[in-house]
């Protein structure tokens, strides 16, 4: 194990950080991950579906070329 980037302590190079609470063990962990991912997808141009909250759609048109990207999160 090594110290995480940005938290390296040169006085104690062999010490690592102790995680006191696991994110994956929390009941709200899936919701927190989905919230973070969905806000990032919306920021880059995806649109959330009205019918399924885990479906994101992006449509781009460049001159005569049209492309769709549909992303389903499970």
N, C-alpha and C. Protein backbone atom coordinates (compact mmCIF):
# COMPACT_ATOMS: atom_id res chain seq x y z
N UNK A 1 0.84 -1.18 0.00
CA UNK A 1 0.00 0.00 0.00
C UNK A 1 0.88 1.24 0.00
N UNK A 2 0.34 2.30 -0.49
CA UNK A 2 1.08 3.56 -0.51
C UNK A 2 0.13 4.70 -0.16
N UNK A 3 0.70 5.82 0.18
CA UNK A 3 -0.11 6.98 0.52
C UNK A 3 -0.77 7.51 -0.74
N UNK A 4 -2.02 7.98 -0.63
CA UNK A 4 -2.72 8.49 -1.81
C UNK A 4 -2.08 9.77 -2.33
N UNK A 5 -2.11 10.00 -3.65
CA UNK A 5 -1.55 11.23 -4.22
C UNK A 5 -2.19 12.46 -3.59
N UNK A 6 -1.39 13.43 -3.26
CA UNK A 6 -1.89 14.65 -2.66
C UNK A 6 -1.87 14.61 -1.14
N UNK A 7 -1.69 13.43 -0.57
CA UNK A 7 -1.66 13.28 0.88
C UNK A 7 -0.38 12.61 1.34
N UNK A 8 0.67 12.71 0.55
CA UNK A 8 1.94 12.08 0.89
C UNK A 8 2.61 12.88 2.00
N UNK A 9 2.96 12.18 3.07
CA UNK A 9 3.64 12.80 4.20
C UNK A 9 5.10 12.37 4.16
N UNK A 10 5.99 13.30 3.82
CA UNK A 10 7.41 12.96 3.70
C UNK A 10 8.03 12.61 5.04
N UNK A 11 7.47 13.08 6.15
CA UNK A 11 8.00 12.73 7.47
C UNK A 11 7.72 11.27 7.81
N UNK A 12 6.62 10.73 7.27
CA UNK A 12 6.25 9.33 7.52
C UNK A 12 5.96 8.63 6.19
N UNK A 13 6.97 8.32 5.40
CA UNK A 13 6.73 7.75 4.07
C UNK A 13 6.15 6.34 4.08
N UNK A 14 6.28 5.61 5.19
CA UNK A 14 5.77 4.24 5.26
C UNK A 14 4.38 4.16 5.87
N UNK A 15 3.82 5.29 6.29
CA UNK A 15 2.47 5.29 6.86
C UNK A 15 1.45 5.45 5.75
N UNK A 16 0.29 4.84 5.94
CA UNK A 16 -0.80 4.99 4.98
C UNK A 16 -2.03 5.50 5.72
N UNK A 17 -3.01 5.95 4.99
CA UNK A 17 -4.23 6.47 5.59
C UNK A 17 -5.14 5.31 5.98
N UNK A 18 -5.81 5.44 7.10
CA UNK A 18 -6.75 4.43 7.57
C UNK A 18 -8.16 4.89 7.22
N UNK A 19 -8.88 4.06 6.49
CA UNK A 19 -10.25 4.36 6.12
C UNK A 19 -11.14 3.94 7.27
N UNK A 20 -11.82 4.90 7.87
CA UNK A 20 -12.64 4.60 9.04
C UNK A 20 -14.03 4.10 8.69
N UNK A 21 -14.52 4.42 7.49
CA UNK A 21 -15.84 3.97 7.09
C UNK A 21 -15.82 3.66 5.60
N UNK A 22 -16.22 2.48 5.25
CA UNK A 22 -16.22 2.07 3.85
C UNK A 22 -17.39 2.68 3.11
N UNK A 23 -17.14 3.27 1.97
CA UNK A 23 -18.21 3.85 1.17
C UNK A 23 -19.14 2.76 0.66
N UNK A 24 -18.57 1.59 0.30
CA UNK A 24 -19.37 0.52 -0.26
C UNK A 24 -20.29 -0.13 0.77
N UNK A 25 -19.98 0.01 2.04
CA UNK A 25 -20.82 -0.57 3.07
C UNK A 25 -21.99 0.29 3.47
N UNK A 26 -22.02 1.52 3.01
CA UNK A 26 -23.10 2.42 3.37
C UNK A 26 -24.36 2.14 2.55
N UNK A 27 -25.51 2.36 3.15
CA UNK A 27 -26.77 2.12 2.44
C UNK A 27 -26.98 3.14 1.33
N UNK A 28 -26.41 4.34 1.47
CA UNK A 28 -26.60 5.39 0.48
C UNK A 28 -25.52 5.39 -0.60
N UNK A 29 -24.57 4.44 -0.56
CA UNK A 29 -23.46 4.44 -1.52
C UNK A 29 -23.92 4.35 -2.97
N UNK A 30 -24.82 3.43 -3.34
CA UNK A 30 -25.25 3.39 -4.74
C UNK A 30 -25.92 4.70 -5.18
N UNK A 31 -26.68 5.28 -4.30
CA UNK A 31 -27.36 6.54 -4.64
C UNK A 31 -26.35 7.66 -4.84
N UNK A 32 -25.32 7.71 -4.00
CA UNK A 32 -24.29 8.75 -4.12
C UNK A 32 -23.52 8.60 -5.42
N UNK A 33 -23.17 7.35 -5.78
CA UNK A 33 -22.45 7.12 -7.03
C UNK A 33 -23.31 7.50 -8.23
N UNK A 34 -24.59 7.12 -8.21
CA UNK A 34 -25.47 7.43 -9.32
C UNK A 34 -25.66 8.94 -9.46
N UNK A 35 -25.80 9.64 -8.34
CA UNK A 35 -25.97 11.09 -8.37
C UNK A 35 -24.75 11.77 -8.99
N UNK A 36 -23.57 11.32 -8.60
CA UNK A 36 -22.34 11.91 -9.13
C UNK A 36 -22.18 11.61 -10.62
N UNK A 37 -22.44 10.36 -11.01
CA UNK A 37 -22.32 9.97 -12.41
C UNK A 37 -23.36 10.70 -13.27
N UNK A 38 -24.60 10.77 -12.81
CA UNK A 38 -25.63 11.42 -13.62
C UNK A 38 -25.37 12.91 -13.78
N UNK A 39 -24.86 13.57 -12.75
CA UNK A 39 -24.56 15.00 -12.92
C UNK A 39 -23.41 15.20 -13.89
N UNK A 40 -22.43 14.30 -13.90
CA UNK A 40 -21.32 14.40 -14.86
C UNK A 40 -21.82 14.16 -16.28
N UNK A 41 -22.71 13.19 -16.47
CA UNK A 41 -23.27 12.93 -17.80
C UNK A 41 -24.09 14.11 -18.30
N UNK A 42 -24.86 14.72 -17.43
CA UNK A 42 -25.65 15.89 -17.82
C UNK A 42 -24.75 17.06 -18.19
N UNK A 43 -23.62 17.19 -17.50
CA UNK A 43 -22.67 18.27 -17.79
C UNK A 43 -22.03 18.14 -19.16
N UNK A 44 -21.85 16.90 -19.65
CA UNK A 44 -21.21 16.71 -20.95
C UNK A 44 -22.20 16.61 -22.10
N UNK A 45 -23.50 16.82 -21.82
CA UNK A 45 -24.46 16.90 -22.91
C UNK A 45 -25.49 15.80 -22.99
N UNK A 46 -25.46 14.83 -22.10
CA UNK A 46 -26.48 13.80 -22.11
C UNK A 46 -27.78 14.36 -21.53
N UNK A 47 -28.88 13.75 -21.91
CA UNK A 47 -30.20 14.12 -21.39
C UNK A 47 -30.79 12.90 -20.72
N UNK A 48 -31.33 13.07 -19.53
CA UNK A 48 -31.95 11.95 -18.82
C UNK A 48 -33.30 11.62 -19.46
N UNK A 49 -33.59 10.34 -19.56
CA UNK A 49 -34.85 9.90 -20.13
C UNK A 49 -36.00 10.18 -19.16
N UNK A 50 -37.16 10.52 -19.72
CA UNK A 50 -38.36 10.74 -18.90
C UNK A 50 -38.99 9.42 -18.47
N UNK A 51 -38.66 8.34 -19.17
CA UNK A 51 -39.29 7.04 -18.91
C UNK A 51 -38.48 6.14 -18.01
N UNK A 52 -37.17 6.27 -18.04
CA UNK A 52 -36.30 5.43 -17.23
C UNK A 52 -35.18 6.30 -16.67
N UNK A 53 -35.08 6.46 -15.35
CA UNK A 53 -34.07 7.36 -14.79
C UNK A 53 -32.63 6.90 -14.98
N UNK A 54 -32.44 5.63 -15.38
CA UNK A 54 -31.08 5.15 -15.59
C UNK A 54 -30.65 5.18 -17.06
N UNK A 55 -31.47 5.77 -17.92
CA UNK A 55 -31.17 5.89 -19.35
C UNK A 55 -30.79 7.34 -19.67
N UNK A 56 -29.63 7.51 -20.30
CA UNK A 56 -29.15 8.83 -20.70
C UNK A 56 -28.92 8.81 -22.21
N UNK A 57 -29.34 9.87 -22.87
CA UNK A 57 -29.27 9.94 -24.33
C UNK A 57 -28.54 11.21 -24.75
N UNK A 58 -27.64 11.05 -25.72
CA UNK A 58 -26.94 12.20 -26.30
C UNK A 58 -27.14 12.16 -27.81
N UNK A 59 -27.44 13.30 -28.40
CA UNK A 59 -27.62 13.41 -29.85
C UNK A 59 -26.78 14.56 -30.35
N UNK A 60 -25.97 14.28 -31.34
CA UNK A 60 -25.10 15.31 -31.91
C UNK A 60 -25.28 15.31 -33.42
N UNK A 61 -25.36 16.49 -33.99
CA UNK A 61 -25.45 16.64 -35.43
C UNK A 61 -24.34 17.56 -35.90
N UNK A 62 -23.54 17.06 -36.85
CA UNK A 62 -22.47 17.85 -37.44
C UNK A 62 -22.71 17.86 -38.95
N UNK A 63 -23.09 19.00 -39.46
CA UNK A 63 -23.45 19.21 -40.87
C UNK A 63 -24.49 18.16 -41.31
N UNK A 64 -24.09 17.13 -42.06
CA UNK A 64 -25.05 16.12 -42.54
C UNK A 64 -24.92 14.80 -41.78
N UNK A 65 -24.14 14.78 -40.73
CA UNK A 65 -23.90 13.55 -39.99
C UNK A 65 -24.58 13.65 -38.63
N UNK A 66 -25.38 12.68 -38.30
CA UNK A 66 -26.10 12.66 -37.04
C UNK A 66 -25.71 11.41 -36.25
N UNK A 67 -25.45 11.57 -34.97
CA UNK A 67 -25.08 10.42 -34.16
C UNK A 67 -25.85 10.43 -32.84
N UNK A 68 -26.16 9.26 -32.36
CA UNK A 68 -26.86 9.07 -31.10
C UNK A 68 -26.01 8.20 -30.19
N UNK A 69 -26.08 8.49 -28.93
CA UNK A 69 -25.42 7.64 -27.94
C UNK A 69 -26.42 7.43 -26.81
N UNK A 70 -26.75 6.18 -26.55
CA UNK A 70 -27.67 5.85 -25.46
C UNK A 70 -26.90 5.04 -24.43
N UNK A 71 -26.96 5.50 -23.20
CA UNK A 71 -26.20 4.90 -22.11
C UNK A 71 -27.17 4.46 -21.02
N UNK A 72 -27.15 3.16 -20.70
CA UNK A 72 -28.03 2.62 -19.67
C UNK A 72 -27.16 2.23 -18.48
N UNK A 73 -27.49 2.76 -17.31
CA UNK A 73 -26.74 2.50 -16.09
C UNK A 73 -27.49 1.45 -15.26
N UNK A 74 -26.80 0.35 -14.93
CA UNK A 74 -27.40 -0.69 -14.09
C UNK A 74 -26.77 -0.67 -12.74
